[in-house]
Amino acid sequence: MDWRHVSAVVLFARTIEFDSAVLGELRYWFHVTDMARIAQTLAGVRSPSISFRPEEIRLLLSLLGITDGHRYRLPRPHRHGSLGCLSSPSPDASSSTT
């Protein structure tokens, strides 16, 4: 095994904000991501001995139990209650007027 071809990913189940610049030189082989961006992260792994074909990325996502339901969707803010709290509807929620 050539350690120059090792790559690692820390995967968070919830959405995170992370600046990989804090990792310095580690960011080329050590990745921190969330479910919404794991496919993009895996697709970006580059090494002469590591490459993922699209079907391998799909298999990894499947093994991790990541489905289309994990994809990030921009929330549509709306007013809720008298406090004026912003909330986002579930992806399956239909819009209705009150």
N, C-alpha and C. Protein backbone atom coordinates (compact mmCIF):
# COMPACT_ATOMS: atom_id res chain seq x y z
N MET A 1 0.85 -1.18 0.00
CA MET A 1 0.00 0.00 0.00
C MET A 1 0.89 1.24 0.00
N ASP A 2 0.55 2.14 -0.84
CA ASP A 2 1.26 3.42 -0.90
C ASP A 2 0.40 4.45 -0.16
N TRP A 3 0.87 4.94 0.99
CA TRP A 3 0.08 5.85 1.83
C TRP A 3 -0.25 7.16 1.14
N ARG A 4 0.44 7.47 0.05
CA ARG A 4 0.10 8.70 -0.68
C ARG A 4 -1.24 8.57 -1.39
N HIS A 5 -1.77 7.35 -1.48
CA HIS A 5 -3.03 7.13 -2.19
C HIS A 5 -4.20 6.88 -1.23
N VAL A 6 -3.99 7.17 0.05
CA VAL A 6 -5.05 6.99 1.04
C VAL A 6 -5.92 8.25 1.05
N SER A 7 -7.21 8.06 1.16
CA SER A 7 -8.14 9.17 1.26
C SER A 7 -9.16 8.83 2.34
N ALA A 8 -9.59 9.83 3.08
CA ALA A 8 -10.54 9.61 4.17
C ALA A 8 -11.66 10.65 4.10
N VAL A 9 -12.85 10.22 4.51
CA VAL A 9 -14.00 11.12 4.54
C VAL A 9 -14.68 10.98 5.90
N VAL A 10 -14.94 12.11 6.55
CA VAL A 10 -15.78 12.14 7.75
C VAL A 10 -17.14 12.61 7.26
N LEU A 11 -18.15 11.76 7.46
CA LEU A 11 -19.49 12.02 6.94
C LEU A 11 -20.44 12.31 8.09
N PHE A 12 -21.07 13.50 8.05
CA PHE A 12 -22.07 13.89 9.04
C PHE A 12 -23.46 13.66 8.48
N ALA A 13 -24.35 13.14 9.30
CA ALA A 13 -25.72 12.88 8.87
C ALA A 13 -26.50 14.17 8.66
N ARG A 14 -26.19 15.18 9.46
CA ARG A 14 -26.90 16.46 9.35
C ARG A 14 -26.10 17.44 8.51
N THR A 15 -26.77 18.44 8.01
CA THR A 15 -26.12 19.47 7.20
C THR A 15 -25.11 20.23 8.05
N ILE A 16 -23.92 20.42 7.48
CA ILE A 16 -22.86 21.16 8.17
C ILE A 16 -22.32 22.25 7.27
N GLU A 17 -21.69 23.21 7.86
CA GLU A 17 -20.92 24.23 7.15
C GLU A 17 -19.48 24.00 7.57
N PHE A 18 -18.60 23.75 6.62
CA PHE A 18 -17.22 23.45 6.95
C PHE A 18 -16.30 24.04 5.90
N ASP A 19 -15.30 24.76 6.32
CA ASP A 19 -14.32 25.34 5.42
C ASP A 19 -13.10 24.43 5.40
N SER A 20 -12.91 23.71 4.30
CA SER A 20 -11.81 22.75 4.23
C SER A 20 -10.44 23.43 4.27
N ALA A 21 -10.38 24.74 4.12
CA ALA A 21 -9.11 25.45 4.19
C ALA A 21 -8.46 25.28 5.57
N VAL A 22 -9.26 25.05 6.61
CA VAL A 22 -8.69 24.88 7.94
C VAL A 22 -7.85 23.61 8.04
N LEU A 23 -8.05 22.69 7.10
CA LEU A 23 -7.29 21.45 7.11
C LEU A 23 -5.89 21.61 6.53
N GLY A 24 -5.65 22.74 5.87
CA GLY A 24 -4.33 22.94 5.26
C GLY A 24 -4.04 21.89 4.21
N GLU A 25 -2.85 21.31 4.25
CA GLU A 25 -2.45 20.29 3.28
C GLU A 25 -3.26 18.99 3.40
N LEU A 26 -3.86 18.77 4.55
CA LEU A 26 -4.67 17.56 4.74
C LEU A 26 -5.88 17.52 3.82
N ARG A 27 -6.37 18.67 3.41
CA ARG A 27 -7.62 18.71 2.64
C ARG A 27 -7.53 17.98 1.30
N TYR A 28 -6.32 17.65 0.87
CA TYR A 28 -6.17 16.93 -0.40
C TYR A 28 -6.51 15.44 -0.24
N TRP A 29 -6.46 14.93 0.97
CA TRP A 29 -6.80 13.52 1.17
C TRP A 29 -7.79 13.29 2.30
N PHE A 30 -8.02 14.30 3.14
CA PHE A 30 -8.95 14.17 4.27
C PHE A 30 -10.12 15.11 4.02
N HIS A 31 -11.32 14.54 3.94
CA HIS A 31 -12.50 15.32 3.58
C HIS A 31 -13.52 15.29 4.70
N VAL A 32 -14.22 16.40 4.90
CA VAL A 32 -15.30 16.50 5.86
C VAL A 32 -16.52 16.96 5.08
N THR A 33 -17.61 16.21 5.18
CA THR A 33 -18.79 16.54 4.39
C THR A 33 -20.05 16.05 5.10
N ASP A 34 -21.19 16.32 4.48
CA ASP A 34 -22.48 15.88 5.01
C ASP A 34 -23.21 15.07 3.95
N MET A 35 -24.36 14.55 4.32
CA MET A 35 -25.13 13.70 3.40
C MET A 35 -25.48 14.42 2.10
N ALA A 36 -25.75 15.71 2.19
CA ALA A 36 -26.17 16.47 1.01
C ALA A 36 -25.04 16.58 -0.01
N ARG A 37 -23.79 16.47 0.43
CA ARG A 37 -22.65 16.68 -0.48
C ARG A 37 -21.72 15.48 -0.62
N ILE A 38 -22.12 14.30 -0.10
CA ILE A 38 -21.22 13.16 -0.13
C ILE A 38 -20.92 12.70 -1.56
N ALA A 39 -21.91 12.70 -2.44
CA ALA A 39 -21.65 12.27 -3.82
C ALA A 39 -20.64 13.19 -4.49
N GLN A 40 -20.81 14.49 -4.29
CA GLN A 40 -19.87 15.47 -4.85
C GLN A 40 -18.47 15.26 -4.27
N THR A 41 -18.39 15.00 -2.98
CA THR A 41 -17.09 14.78 -2.33
C THR A 41 -16.41 13.54 -2.89
N LEU A 42 -17.16 12.44 -3.00
CA LEU A 42 -16.58 11.20 -3.53
C LEU A 42 -16.14 11.38 -4.98
N ALA A 43 -16.93 12.11 -5.74
CA ALA A 43 -16.58 12.34 -7.15
C ALA A 43 -15.30 13.18 -7.26
N GLY A 44 -15.01 13.98 -6.23
CA GLY A 44 -13.84 14.84 -6.28
C GLY A 44 -12.56 14.21 -5.75
N VAL A 45 -12.63 12.96 -5.26
CA VAL A 45 -11.43 12.29 -4.77
C VAL A 45 -10.51 12.01 -5.95
N ARG A 46 -9.30 12.51 -5.84
CA ARG A 46 -8.34 12.36 -6.94
C ARG A 46 -7.04 11.78 -6.42
N SER A 47 -6.62 10.71 -7.04
CA SER A 47 -5.35 10.08 -6.75
C SER A 47 -5.04 9.14 -7.91
N PRO A 48 -3.78 8.93 -8.22
CA PRO A 48 -3.46 7.99 -9.30
C PRO A 48 -4.01 6.59 -9.04
N SER A 49 -4.18 6.22 -7.79
CA SER A 49 -4.64 4.87 -7.46
C SER A 49 -6.08 4.82 -6.96
N ILE A 50 -6.72 5.97 -6.82
CA ILE A 50 -8.11 6.01 -6.35
C ILE A 50 -8.94 6.78 -7.37
N SER A 51 -9.92 6.12 -7.90
CA SER A 51 -10.89 6.82 -8.74
C SER A 51 -12.21 6.05 -8.64
N PHE A 52 -13.28 6.78 -8.63
CA PHE A 52 -14.59 6.17 -8.52
C PHE A 52 -15.35 6.36 -9.83
N ARG A 53 -15.81 5.27 -10.40
CA ARG A 53 -16.68 5.35 -11.56
C ARG A 53 -18.08 5.69 -11.04
N PRO A 54 -18.92 6.27 -11.89
CA PRO A 54 -20.27 6.65 -11.42
C PRO A 54 -21.02 5.49 -10.75
N GLU A 55 -20.90 4.28 -11.29
CA GLU A 55 -21.62 3.15 -10.69
C GLU A 55 -21.05 2.80 -9.31
N GLU A 56 -19.75 3.05 -9.07
CA GLU A 56 -19.17 2.81 -7.76
C GLU A 56 -19.67 3.85 -6.75
N ILE A 57 -19.82 5.08 -7.19
CA ILE A 57 -20.36 6.12 -6.30
C ILE A 57 -21.80 5.77 -5.94
N ARG A 58 -22.59 5.33 -6.92
CA ARG A 58 -23.97 4.92 -6.64
C ARG A 58 -23.99 3.76 -5.64
N LEU A 59 -23.09 2.79 -5.80
CA LEU A 59 -23.02 1.66 -4.88
C LEU A 59 -22.65 2.12 -3.47
N LEU A 60 -21.66 3.00 -3.35
CA LEU A 60 -21.27 3.51 -2.03
C LEU A 60 -22.44 4.24 -1.36
N LEU A 61 -23.14 5.07 -2.13
CA LEU A 61 -24.29 5.79 -1.57
C LEU A 61 -25.36 4.81 -1.11
N SER A 62 -25.58 3.77 -1.89
CA SER A 62 -26.56 2.76 -1.54
C SER A 62 -26.15 2.02 -0.26
N LEU A 63 -24.87 1.66 -0.15
CA LEU A 63 -24.38 0.96 1.04
C LEU A 63 -24.50 1.83 2.29
N LEU A 64 -24.36 3.13 2.12
CA LEU A 64 -24.50 4.07 3.23
C LEU A 64 -25.96 4.38 3.55
N GLY A 65 -26.87 3.88 2.71
CA GLY A 65 -28.29 4.14 2.92
C GLY A 65 -28.72 5.54 2.51
N ILE A 66 -27.93 6.16 1.65
CA ILE A 66 -28.23 7.52 1.20
C ILE A 66 -29.11 7.44 -0.04
N THR A 67 -30.28 8.06 0.05
CA THR A 67 -31.24 8.04 -1.04
C THR A 67 -31.46 9.45 -1.56
N ASP A 68 -32.30 9.57 -2.56
CA ASP A 68 -32.61 10.88 -3.12
C ASP A 68 -33.24 11.78 -2.06
N GLY A 69 -33.85 11.19 -1.06
CA GLY A 69 -34.46 11.96 0.02
C GLY A 69 -33.46 12.75 0.84
N HIS A 70 -32.18 12.41 0.76
CA HIS A 70 -31.14 13.12 1.48
C HIS A 70 -30.64 14.35 0.73
N ARG A 71 -31.07 14.52 -0.51
CA ARG A 71 -30.60 15.65 -1.30
C ARG A 71 -31.06 16.95 -0.68
N TYR A 72 -30.18 17.94 -0.72
CA TYR A 72 -30.50 19.25 -0.17
C TYR A 72 -31.46 19.97 -1.10
N ARG A 73 -32.50 20.53 -0.53
CA ARG A 73 -33.43 21.36 -1.29
C ARG A 73 -33.56 22.69 -0.56
N LEU A 74 -33.51 23.75 -1.30
CA LEU A 74 -33.63 25.07 -0.68
C LEU A 74 -34.99 25.19 0.00
N PRO A 75 -35.00 25.60 1.24
CA PRO A 75 -36.28 25.76 1.94
C PRO A 75 -37.04 26.97 1.39
N ARG A 76 -38.35 26.88 1.43
CA ARG A 76 -39.19 28.01 1.05
C ARG A 76 -39.75 28.60 2.33
N PRO A 77 -39.14 29.68 2.82
CA PRO A 77 -39.59 30.24 4.10
C PRO A 77 -41.02 30.79 4.01
N HIS A 78 -41.75 30.63 5.09
CA HIS A 78 -43.08 31.22 5.20
C HIS A 78 -43.32 31.55 6.67
N ARG A 79 -44.22 32.45 6.90
CA ARG A 79 -44.55 32.88 8.27
C ARG A 79 -45.38 31.80 8.95
N HIS A 80 -45.10 31.58 10.22
CA HIS A 80 -45.82 30.57 10.98
C HIS A 80 -46.17 31.13 12.36
N GLY A 81 -47.42 31.12 12.66
CA GLY A 81 -47.86 31.56 13.99
C GLY A 81 -47.68 33.05 14.20
N SER A 82 -47.93 33.49 15.41
CA SER A 82 -47.88 34.91 15.72
C SER A 82 -46.46 35.40 15.96
N LEU A 83 -45.51 34.49 16.16
CA LEU A 83 -44.14 34.91 16.43
C LEU A 83 -43.38 35.24 15.14
N GLY A 84 -43.96 34.93 14.01
CA GLY A 84 -43.29 35.21 12.75
C GLY A 84 -42.09 34.31 12.52
N CYS A 85 -42.12 33.10 13.06
CA CYS A 85 -41.01 32.17 12.88
C CYS A 85 -40.96 31.70 11.44
N LEU A 86 -39.76 31.56 10.94
CA LEU A 86 -39.59 31.01 9.61
C LEU A 86 -39.44 29.52 9.73
N SER A 87 -40.13 28.80 8.88
CA SER A 87 -39.98 27.36 8.84
C SER A 87 -40.04 26.92 7.40
N SER A 88 -39.58 25.71 7.13
CA SER A 88 -39.60 25.21 5.77
C SER A 88 -40.46 23.96 5.72
N PRO A 89 -41.28 23.84 4.70
CA PRO A 89 -42.15 22.67 4.60
C PRO A 89 -41.34 21.45 4.17
N SER A 90 -41.88 20.29 4.45
CA SER A 90 -41.24 19.07 4.00
C SER A 90 -41.31 19.02 2.48
N PRO A 91 -40.42 18.27 1.82
CA PRO A 91 -40.43 18.20 0.36
C PRO A 91 -41.74 17.69 -0.20
N ASP A 92 -42.51 16.90 0.60
CA ASP A 92 -43.76 16.36 0.12
C ASP A 92 -44.96 17.24 0.40
N ALA A 93 -44.74 18.32 1.14
CA ALA A 93 -45.85 19.20 1.51
C ALA A 93 -46.35 19.97 0.30
N SER A 94 -47.65 19.99 0.17
CA SER A 94 -48.22 20.79 -0.93
C SER A 94 -48.54 22.16 -0.41
N SER A 95 -48.51 23.13 -1.29
CA SER A 95 -48.77 24.49 -0.85
C SER A 95 -50.26 24.70 -0.71
N SER A 96 -50.64 25.41 0.31
CA SER A 96 -52.05 25.73 0.53
C SER A 96 -52.13 27.15 1.06
N THR A 97 -53.28 27.72 0.90
CA THR A 97 -53.47 29.09 1.40
C THR A 97 -54.40 29.03 2.59
N THR A 98 -54.13 29.89 3.56
CA THR A 98 -54.99 29.93 4.76
C THR A 98 -55.64 31.26 4.87
